[in-house]
């Protein structure tokens, strides 16, 4: 499944955060060799973006204290 462009256009929050979350999730999926990747025609990034945008997975941005 390819991620629908409409979801990306309708997204109103911080685009940088969700891009980082999708990128990190894509890395996780590829390292785990998740079987869902094959069900998505091998498209890891679109699968990760879909999971993040549909809130199938949660993410949080950790603040690094400045010293």
PDB file of N, CA and C in Angstrom:
ATOM      1  N   UNK A   1       0.844  -1.177   0.000  1.00  0.00           N
ATOM      2  CA  UNK A   1       0.000   0.000   0.000  1.00  0.00           C
ATOM      3  C   UNK A   1       0.891   1.243   0.000  1.00  0.00           C
ATOM      4  N   UNK A   2       0.606   2.164  -0.867  1.00  0.00           N
ATOM      5  CA  UNK A   2       1.319   3.429  -0.904  1.00  0.00           C
ATOM      6  C   UNK A   2       0.573   4.411  -0.026  1.00  0.00           C
ATOM      7  N   UNK A   3       1.319   5.202   0.719  1.00  0.00           N
ATOM      8  CA  UNK A   3       0.715   6.154   1.641  1.00  0.00           C
ATOM      9  C   UNK A   3      -0.059   7.225   0.881  1.00  0.00           C
ATOM     10  N   UNK A   4      -1.311   7.482   1.273  1.00  0.00           N
ATOM     11  CA  UNK A   4      -2.108   8.476   0.554  1.00  0.00           C
ATOM     12  C   UNK A   4      -1.596   9.902   0.787  1.00  0.00           C
ATOM     13  N   UNK A   5      -1.408  10.634  -0.283  1.00  0.00           N
ATOM     14  CA  UNK A   5      -0.906  11.997  -0.229  1.00  0.00           C
ATOM     15  C   UNK A   5      -1.854  12.922   0.540  1.00  0.00           C
ATOM     16  N   UNK A   6      -3.145  12.623   0.513  1.00  0.00           N
ATOM     17  CA  UNK A   6      -4.123  13.459   1.214  1.00  0.00           C
ATOM     18  C   UNK A   6      -3.815  13.550   2.705  1.00  0.00           C
ATOM     19  N   UNK A   7      -3.379  12.438   3.310  1.00  0.00           N
ATOM     20  CA  UNK A   7      -3.046  12.441   4.740  1.00  0.00           C
ATOM     21  C   UNK A   7      -1.903  13.405   5.024  1.00  0.00           C
ATOM     22  N   UNK A   8      -0.928  13.416   4.147  1.00  0.00           N
ATOM     23  CA  UNK A   8       0.217  14.306   4.314  1.00  0.00           C
ATOM     24  C   UNK A   8      -0.203  15.762   4.174  1.00  0.00           C
ATOM     25  N   UNK A   9      -1.056  16.054   3.211  1.00  0.00           N
ATOM     26  CA  UNK A   9      -1.517  17.422   2.992  1.00  0.00           C
ATOM     27  C   UNK A   9      -2.368  17.910   4.160  1.00  0.00           C
ATOM     28  N   UNK A  10      -3.185  17.026   4.726  1.00  0.00           N
ATOM     29  CA  UNK A  10      -4.079  17.400   5.817  1.00  0.00           C
ATOM     30  C   UNK A  10      -3.379  17.503   7.165  1.00  0.00           C
ATOM     31  N   UNK A  11      -2.173  17.010   7.268  1.00  0.00           N
ATOM     32  CA  UNK A  11      -1.454  17.008   8.539  1.00  0.00           C
ATOM     33  C   UNK A  11      -1.151  18.434   8.975  1.00  0.00           C
ATOM     34  N   UNK A  12      -1.534  18.793  10.185  1.00  0.00           N
ATOM     35  CA  UNK A  12      -1.415  20.177  10.647  1.00  0.00           C
ATOM     36  C   UNK A  12      -0.376  20.370  11.753  1.00  0.00           C
ATOM     37  N   UNK A  13       0.279  19.327  12.182  1.00  0.00           N
ATOM     38  CA  UNK A  13       1.246  19.461  13.272  1.00  0.00           C
ATOM     39  C   UNK A  13       2.650  19.650  12.712  1.00  0.00           C
ATOM     40  N   UNK A  14       3.656  19.426  13.529  1.00  0.00           N
ATOM     41  CA  UNK A  14       5.048  19.650  13.159  1.00  0.00           C
ATOM     42  C   UNK A  14       5.514  18.596  12.150  1.00  0.00           C
ATOM     43  N   UNK A  15       5.747  19.008  10.933  1.00  0.00           N
ATOM     44  CA  UNK A  15       6.129  18.087   9.858  1.00  0.00           C
ATOM     45  C   UNK A  15       7.517  17.487  10.107  1.00  0.00           C
ATOM     46  N   UNK A  16       8.414  18.267  10.691  1.00  0.00           N
ATOM     47  CA  UNK A  16       9.759  17.767  10.973  1.00  0.00           C
ATOM     48  C   UNK A  16       9.698  16.586  11.943  1.00  0.00           C
ATOM     49  N   UNK A  17       8.894  16.714  12.996  1.00  0.00           N
ATOM     50  CA  UNK A  17       8.788  15.645  13.990  1.00  0.00           C
ATOM     51  C   UNK A  17       8.258  14.358  13.379  1.00  0.00           C
ATOM     52  N   UNK A  18       7.200  14.460  12.601  1.00  0.00           N
ATOM     53  CA  UNK A  18       6.603  13.247  12.041  1.00  0.00           C
ATOM     54  C   UNK A  18       7.506  12.626  10.974  1.00  0.00           C
ATOM     55  N   UNK A  19       8.281  13.457  10.282  1.00  0.00           N
ATOM     56  CA  UNK A  19       9.245  12.945   9.308  1.00  0.00           C
ATOM     57  C   UNK A  19      10.343  12.168  10.021  1.00  0.00           C
ATOM     58  N   UNK A  20      10.830  12.711  11.126  1.00  0.00           N
ATOM     59  CA  UNK A  20      11.850  12.010  11.916  1.00  0.00           C
ATOM     60  C   UNK A  20      11.304  10.699  12.468  1.00  0.00           C
ATOM     61  N   UNK A  21      10.057  10.731  12.946  1.00  0.00           N
ATOM     62  CA  UNK A  21       9.443   9.520  13.494  1.00  0.00           C
ATOM     63  C   UNK A  21       9.280   8.451  12.416  1.00  0.00           C
ATOM     64  N   UNK A  22       8.841   8.835  11.240  1.00  0.00           N
ATOM     65  CA  UNK A  22       8.670   7.878  10.140  1.00  0.00           C
ATOM     66  C   UNK A  22      10.016   7.324   9.689  1.00  0.00           C
ATOM     67  N   UNK A  23      11.027   8.167   9.656  1.00  0.00           N
ATOM     68  CA  UNK A  23      12.368   7.722   9.265  1.00  0.00           C
ATOM     69  C   UNK A  23      12.920   6.719  10.266  1.00  0.00           C
ATOM     70  N   UNK A  24      12.767   7.012  11.534  1.00  0.00           N
ATOM     71  CA  UNK A  24      13.244   6.105  12.586  1.00  0.00           C
ATOM     72  C   UNK A  24      12.472   4.780  12.537  1.00  0.00           C
ATOM     73  N   UNK A  25      11.161   4.868  12.314  1.00  0.00           N
ATOM     74  CA  UNK A  25      10.341   3.652  12.241  1.00  0.00           C
ATOM     75  C   UNK A  25      10.735   2.800  11.036  1.00  0.00           C
ATOM     76  N   UNK A  26      11.037   3.436   9.906  1.00  0.00           N
ATOM     77  CA  UNK A  26      11.483   2.700   8.726  1.00  0.00           C
ATOM     78  C   UNK A  26      12.769   1.947   9.026  1.00  0.00           C
ATOM     79  N   UNK A  27      13.669   2.577   9.741  1.00  0.00           N
ATOM     80  CA  UNK A  27      14.914   1.924  10.135  1.00  0.00           C
ATOM     81  C   UNK A  27      14.612   0.711  11.017  1.00  0.00           C
ATOM     82  N   UNK A  28      13.725   0.888  12.002  1.00  0.00           N
ATOM     83  CA  UNK A  28      13.362  -0.216  12.886  1.00  0.00           C
ATOM     84  C   UNK A  28      12.772  -1.385  12.106  1.00  0.00           C
ATOM     85  N   UNK A  29      11.837  -1.091  11.203  1.00  0.00           N
ATOM     86  CA  UNK A  29      11.199  -2.142  10.415  1.00  0.00           C
ATOM     87  C   UNK A  29      12.209  -2.904   9.569  1.00  0.00           C
ATOM     88  N   UNK A  30      13.133  -2.181   8.961  1.00  0.00           N
ATOM     89  CA  UNK A  30      14.118  -2.850   8.106  1.00  0.00           C
ATOM     90  C   UNK A  30      15.092  -3.681   8.919  1.00  0.00           C
ATOM     91  N   UNK A  31      15.482  -3.200  10.088  1.00  0.00           N
ATOM     92  CA  UNK A  31      16.414  -3.960  10.926  1.00  0.00           C
ATOM     93  C   UNK A  31      15.756  -5.222  11.493  1.00  0.00           C
ATOM     94  N   UNK A  32      14.461  -5.134  11.773  1.00  0.00           N
ATOM     95  CA  UNK A  32      13.728  -6.288  12.306  1.00  0.00           C
ATOM     96  C   UNK A  32      13.269  -7.241  11.213  1.00  0.00           C
ATOM     97  N   UNK A  33      13.415  -6.805   9.950  1.00  0.00           N
ATOM     98  CA  UNK A  33      12.931  -7.574   8.810  1.00  0.00           C
ATOM     99  C   UNK A  33      11.459  -7.950   9.004  1.00  0.00           C
ATOM    100  N   UNK A  34      10.678  -6.940   9.355  1.00  0.00           N
ATOM    101  CA  UNK A  34       9.257  -7.107   9.642  1.00  0.00           C
ATOM    102  C   UNK A  34       8.533  -7.712   8.436  1.00  0.00           C
ATOM    103  N   UNK A  35       7.722  -8.749   8.657  1.00  0.00           N
ATOM    104  CA  UNK A  35       7.003  -9.388   7.545  1.00  0.00           C
ATOM    105  C   UNK A  35       5.998  -8.469   6.854  1.00  0.00           C
ATOM    106  N   UNK A  36       5.569  -7.399   7.521  1.00  0.00           N
ATOM    107  CA  UNK A  36       4.638  -6.451   6.901  1.00  0.00           C
ATOM    108  C   UNK A  36       5.261  -5.753   5.695  1.00  0.00           C
ATOM    109  N   UNK A  37       6.583  -5.701   5.646  1.00  0.00           N
ATOM    110  CA  UNK A  37       7.274  -5.052   4.534  1.00  0.00           C
ATOM    111  C   UNK A  37       6.937  -5.750   3.222  1.00  0.00           C
ATOM    112  N   UNK A  38       6.951  -7.067   3.225  1.00  0.00           N
ATOM    113  CA  UNK A  38       6.629  -7.813   2.004  1.00  0.00           C
ATOM    114  C   UNK A  38       5.179  -7.599   1.594  1.00  0.00           C
ATOM    115  N   UNK A  39       4.302  -7.442   2.570  1.00  0.00           N
ATOM    116  CA  UNK A  39       2.898  -7.164   2.266  1.00  0.00           C
ATOM    117  C   UNK A  39       2.696  -5.767   1.708  1.00  0.00           C
ATOM    118  N   UNK A  40       3.723  -4.950   1.813  1.00  0.00           N
ATOM    119  CA  UNK A  40       3.676  -3.575   1.311  1.00  0.00           C
ATOM    120  C   UNK A  40       4.616  -3.419   0.114  1.00  0.00           C
ATOM    121  N   UNK A  41       4.790  -4.486  -0.644  1.00  0.00           N
ATOM    122  CA  UNK A  41       5.645  -4.498  -1.840  1.00  0.00           C
ATOM    123  C   UNK A  41       7.076  -4.066  -1.551  1.00  0.00           C
ATOM    124  N   UNK A  42       7.553  -4.309  -0.331  1.00  0.00           N
ATOM    125  CA  UNK A  42       8.926  -3.975   0.017  1.00  0.00           C
ATOM    126  C   UNK A  42       9.167  -2.501   0.289  1.00  0.00           C
ATOM    127  N   UNK A  43       8.120  -1.714   0.365  1.00  0.00           N
ATOM    128  CA  UNK A  43       8.243  -0.270   0.571  1.00  0.00           C
ATOM    129  C   UNK A  43       8.255   0.038   2.066  1.00  0.00           C
ATOM    130  N   UNK A  44       9.447   0.114   2.613  1.00  0.00           N
ATOM    131  CA  UNK A  44       9.617   0.292   4.057  1.00  0.00           C
ATOM    132  C   UNK A  44       9.189   1.689   4.499  1.00  0.00           C
ATOM    133  N   UNK A  45       9.604   2.714   3.788  1.00  0.00           N
ATOM    134  CA  UNK A  45       9.315   4.089   4.203  1.00  0.00           C
ATOM    135  C   UNK A  45       7.819   4.386   4.146  1.00  0.00           C
ATOM    136  N   UNK A  46       7.142   3.935   3.116  1.00  0.00           N
ATOM    137  CA  UNK A  46       5.702   4.196   3.044  1.00  0.00           C
ATOM    138  C   UNK A  46       4.957   3.432   4.135  1.00  0.00           C
ATOM    139  N   UNK A  47       5.405   2.236   4.468  1.00  0.00           N
ATOM    140  CA  UNK A  47       4.801   1.483   5.564  1.00  0.00           C
ATOM    141  C   UNK A  47       5.005   2.213   6.886  1.00  0.00           C
ATOM    142  N   UNK A  48       6.206   2.700   7.115  1.00  0.00           N
ATOM    143  CA  UNK A  48       6.509   3.430   8.348  1.00  0.00           C
ATOM    144  C   UNK A  48       5.679   4.706   8.435  1.00  0.00           C
ATOM    145  N   UNK A  49       5.584   5.449   7.337  1.00  0.00           N
ATOM    146  CA  UNK A  49       4.794   6.685   7.324  1.00  0.00           C
ATOM    147  C   UNK A  49       3.327   6.382   7.596  1.00  0.00           C
ATOM    148  N   UNK A  50       2.833   5.321   7.006  1.00  0.00           N
ATOM    149  CA  UNK A  50       1.438   4.934   7.229  1.00  0.00           C
ATOM    150  C   UNK A  50       1.205   4.619   8.706  1.00  0.00           C
ATOM    151  N   UNK A  51       2.117   3.882   9.321  1.00  0.00           N
ATOM    152  CA  UNK A  51       1.977   3.534  10.738  1.00  0.00           C
ATOM    153  C   UNK A  51       1.997   4.773  11.626  1.00  0.00           C
ATOM    154  N   UNK A  52       2.841   5.726  11.296  1.00  0.00           N
ATOM    155  CA  UNK A  52       2.933   6.948  12.103  1.00  0.00           C
ATOM    156  C   UNK A  52       1.696   7.818  11.916  1.00  0.00           C
ATOM    157  N   UNK A  53       1.279   8.050  10.679  1.00  0.00           N
ATOM    158  CA  UNK A  53       0.143   8.923  10.406  1.00  0.00           C
ATOM    159  C   UNK A  53      -1.177   8.340  10.897  1.00  0.00           C
ATOM    160  N   UNK A  54      -1.330   7.032  10.870  1.00  0.00           N
ATOM    161  CA  UNK A  54      -2.587   6.416  11.333  1.00  0.00           C
ATOM    162  C   UNK A  54      -2.551   6.120  12.825  1.00  0.00           C
ATOM    163  N   UNK A  55      -1.461   6.521  13.481  1.00  0.00           N
ATOM    164  CA  UNK A  55      -1.283   6.335  14.927  1.00  0.00           C
ATOM    165  C   UNK A  55      -1.284   4.864  15.331  1.00  0.00           C
ATOM    166  N   UNK A  56      -0.867   4.003  14.397  1.00  0.00           N
ATOM    167  CA  UNK A  56      -0.686   2.593  14.718  1.00  0.00           C
ATOM    168  C   UNK A  56       0.458   2.443  15.718  1.00  0.00           C
ATOM    169  N   UNK A  57       1.413   3.355  15.611  1.00  0.00           N
ATOM    170  CA  UNK A  57       2.504   3.420  16.586  1.00  0.00           C
ATOM    171  C   UNK A  57       2.529   4.838  17.146  1.00  0.00           C
ATOM    172  N   UNK A  58       3.011   4.964  18.364  1.00  0.00           N
ATOM    173  CA  UNK A  58       3.166   6.272  18.999  1.00  0.00           C
ATOM    174  C   UNK A  58       4.619   6.681  18.917  1.00  0.00           C
ATOM    175  N   UNK A  59       4.850   7.973  18.956  1.00  0.00           N
ATOM    176  CA  UNK A  59       6.215   8.469  19.010  1.00  0.00           C
ATOM    177  C   UNK A  59       6.263   9.677  19.921  1.00  0.00           C
ATOM    178  N   UNK A  60       7.434   9.953  20.411  1.00  0.00           N
ATOM    179  CA  UNK A  60       7.636  11.153  21.222  1.00  0.00           C
ATOM    180  C   UNK A  60       9.027  11.696  20.917  1.00  0.00           C
ATOM    181  N   UNK A  61       9.152  12.984  21.038  1.00  0.00           N
ATOM    182  CA  UNK A  61      10.434  13.629  20.825  1.00  0.00           C
ATOM    183  C   UNK A  61      11.014  13.901  22.198  1.00  0.00           C
ATOM    184  N   UNK A  62      12.187  13.362  22.421  1.00  0.00           N
ATOM    185  CA  UNK A  62      12.837  13.557  23.702  1.00  0.00           C
ATOM    186  C   UNK A  62      13.660  14.837  23.678  1.00  0.00           C
ATOM    187  N   UNK A  63      13.486  15.626  24.693  1.00  0.00           N
ATOM    188  CA  UNK A  63      14.235  16.864  24.822  1.00  0.00           C
ATOM    189  C   UNK A  63      15.596  16.544  25.440  1.00  0.00           C
ATOM    190  N   UNK A  64      16.646  17.030  24.828  1.00  0.00           N
ATOM    191  CA  UNK A  64      17.990  16.852  25.356  1.00  0.00           C
ATOM    192  C   UNK A  64      18.353  18.114  26.109  1.00  0.00           C
ATOM    193  N   UNK A  65      18.642  17.972  27.402  1.00  0.00           N
ATOM    194  CA  UNK A  65      18.975  19.161  28.184  1.00  0.00           C
ATOM    195  C   UNK A  65      20.287  19.802  27.710  1.00  0.00           C
ATOM    196  N   UNK A  66      20.275  21.103  27.628  1.00  0.00           N
ATOM    197  CA  UNK A  66      21.469  21.846  27.245  1.00  0.00           C
ATOM    198  C   UNK A  66      22.240  22.167  28.513  1.00  0.00           C
ATOM    199  N   UNK A  67      23.526  21.824  28.498  1.00  0.00           N
ATOM    200  CA  UNK A  67      24.322  22.080  29.705  1.00  0.00           C
ATOM    201  C   UNK A  67      25.378  23.116  29.461  1.00  0.00           C
TER     202      UNK A  67
END
